[in-house]
Amino acid sequence: MNIQPGIIELDLHGLKVEDAVRKVTNTVNRANSSVYIIRVIHGYHGGTRIKEAIEDEFSYGRSDKVKGIRPGSNPGVTELVLREI
């Protein structure tokens, strides 16, 4: 996990889907008010199962802390928006 001011990066490469979702959920729950983005690095060459599971878990208002989901800088990254900057 890499922490930048206001951004937490999570690398999920090599994790099973259930473990990846658990890691993201724990990070979202622990994020304090200074965090506005959780950048989830899930990759895309091995398929999109982790990306889809993250989107299912945190979209449609299912989490009080996650205000939105957006694509990252490449297809292997998804960003969870916790608040606007």
Protein backbone atom coordinates (compact mmCIF):
# COMPACT_ATOMS: atom_id res chain seq x y z
CA MET A 1 0.00 0.00 0.00
CA ASN A 2 1.39 3.37 -1.06
CA ILE A 3 0.08 6.47 0.71
CA GLN A 4 0.28 9.90 -0.94
CA PRO A 5 -1.36 13.03 0.44
CA GLY A 6 -5.08 12.40 0.06
CA ILE A 7 -4.62 9.23 -2.01
CA ILE A 8 -4.20 5.63 -0.92
CA GLU A 9 -2.96 3.15 -3.53
CA LEU A 10 -3.74 -0.54 -3.16
CA ASP A 11 -2.04 -3.13 -5.35
CA LEU A 12 -4.24 -6.22 -5.57
CA HIS A 13 -2.13 -8.24 -8.01
CA GLY A 14 -1.99 -11.89 -7.06
CA LEU A 15 -4.98 -11.81 -4.70
CA LYS A 16 -8.09 -13.92 -5.01
CA VAL A 17 -11.30 -11.96 -5.61
CA GLU A 18 -12.59 -12.43 -2.05
CA ASP A 19 -9.27 -11.37 -0.53
CA ALA A 20 -9.07 -8.33 -2.81
CA VAL A 21 -12.57 -7.16 -1.87
CA ARG A 22 -11.78 -7.66 1.82
CA LYS A 23 -8.57 -5.62 1.51
CA VAL A 24 -10.38 -2.75 -0.24
CA THR A 25 -13.23 -2.85 2.28
CA ASN A 26 -10.80 -2.68 5.20
CA THR A 27 -8.97 0.24 3.59
CA VAL A 28 -12.21 2.15 2.95
CA ASN A 29 -13.30 1.60 6.55
CA ARG A 30 -9.95 2.79 7.94
CA ALA A 31 -9.62 5.84 5.67
CA ASN A 32 -9.77 9.09 7.59
CA SER A 33 -11.16 12.42 6.40
CA SER A 34 -7.89 13.45 4.72
CA VAL A 35 -8.28 10.68 2.12
CA TYR A 36 -10.26 11.56 -0.99
CA ILE A 37 -9.23 8.77 -3.41
CA ILE A 38 -8.47 5.10 -2.99
CA ARG A 39 -6.66 4.01 -6.15
CA VAL A 40 -7.19 0.28 -6.66
CA ILE A 41 -4.60 -1.36 -8.91
CA HIS A 42 -6.13 -4.65 -10.02
CA GLY A 43 -4.58 -5.23 -13.44
CA TYR A 44 -6.45 -6.35 -16.52
CA HIS A 45 -4.39 -8.96 -18.37
CA GLY A 46 -5.65 -11.73 -16.09
CA GLY A 47 -9.30 -10.79 -16.51
CA THR A 48 -11.69 -8.36 -14.88
CA ARG A 49 -13.11 -10.38 -11.99
CA ILE A 50 -11.53 -8.22 -9.28
CA LYS A 51 -12.54 -4.98 -11.01
CA GLU A 52 -16.13 -6.20 -11.38
CA ALA A 53 -16.27 -7.35 -7.74
CA ILE A 54 -14.99 -3.97 -6.52
CA GLU A 55 -17.54 -2.15 -8.66
CA ASP A 56 -20.34 -4.42 -7.39
CA GLU A 57 -19.30 -3.94 -3.77
CA PHE A 58 -18.99 -0.15 -3.81
CA SER A 59 -21.39 1.15 -6.46
CA TYR A 60 -25.03 2.15 -6.16
CA GLY A 61 -24.65 3.75 -2.72
CA ARG A 62 -23.69 0.50 -1.02
CA SER A 63 -20.99 2.20 1.04
CA ASP A 64 -21.55 5.39 3.01
CA LYS A 65 -17.92 6.41 2.50
CA VAL A 66 -17.62 5.79 -1.26
CA LYS A 67 -19.25 8.63 -3.18
CA GLY A 68 -18.35 7.34 -6.64
CA ILE A 69 -16.24 5.06 -8.79
CA ARG A 70 -14.23 6.17 -11.79
CA PRO A 71 -11.68 4.64 -14.16
CA GLY A 72 -8.05 5.24 -13.40
CA SER A 73 -5.18 6.18 -15.68
CA ASN A 74 -5.31 2.80 -17.45
CA PRO A 75 -7.70 -0.20 -17.66
CA GLY A 76 -5.95 -1.89 -14.73
CA VAL A 77 -6.86 0.87 -12.26
CA THR A 78 -10.16 1.86 -10.63
CA GLU A 79 -10.52 4.81 -8.28
CA LEU A 80 -12.96 4.98 -5.39
CA VAL A 81 -13.89 8.59 -4.68
CA LEU A 82 -14.46 9.25 -0.97
CA ARG A 83 -14.87 13.02 -1.26
CA GLU A 84 -14.25 15.83 -3.69
CA ILE A 85 -11.02 17.80 -3.33
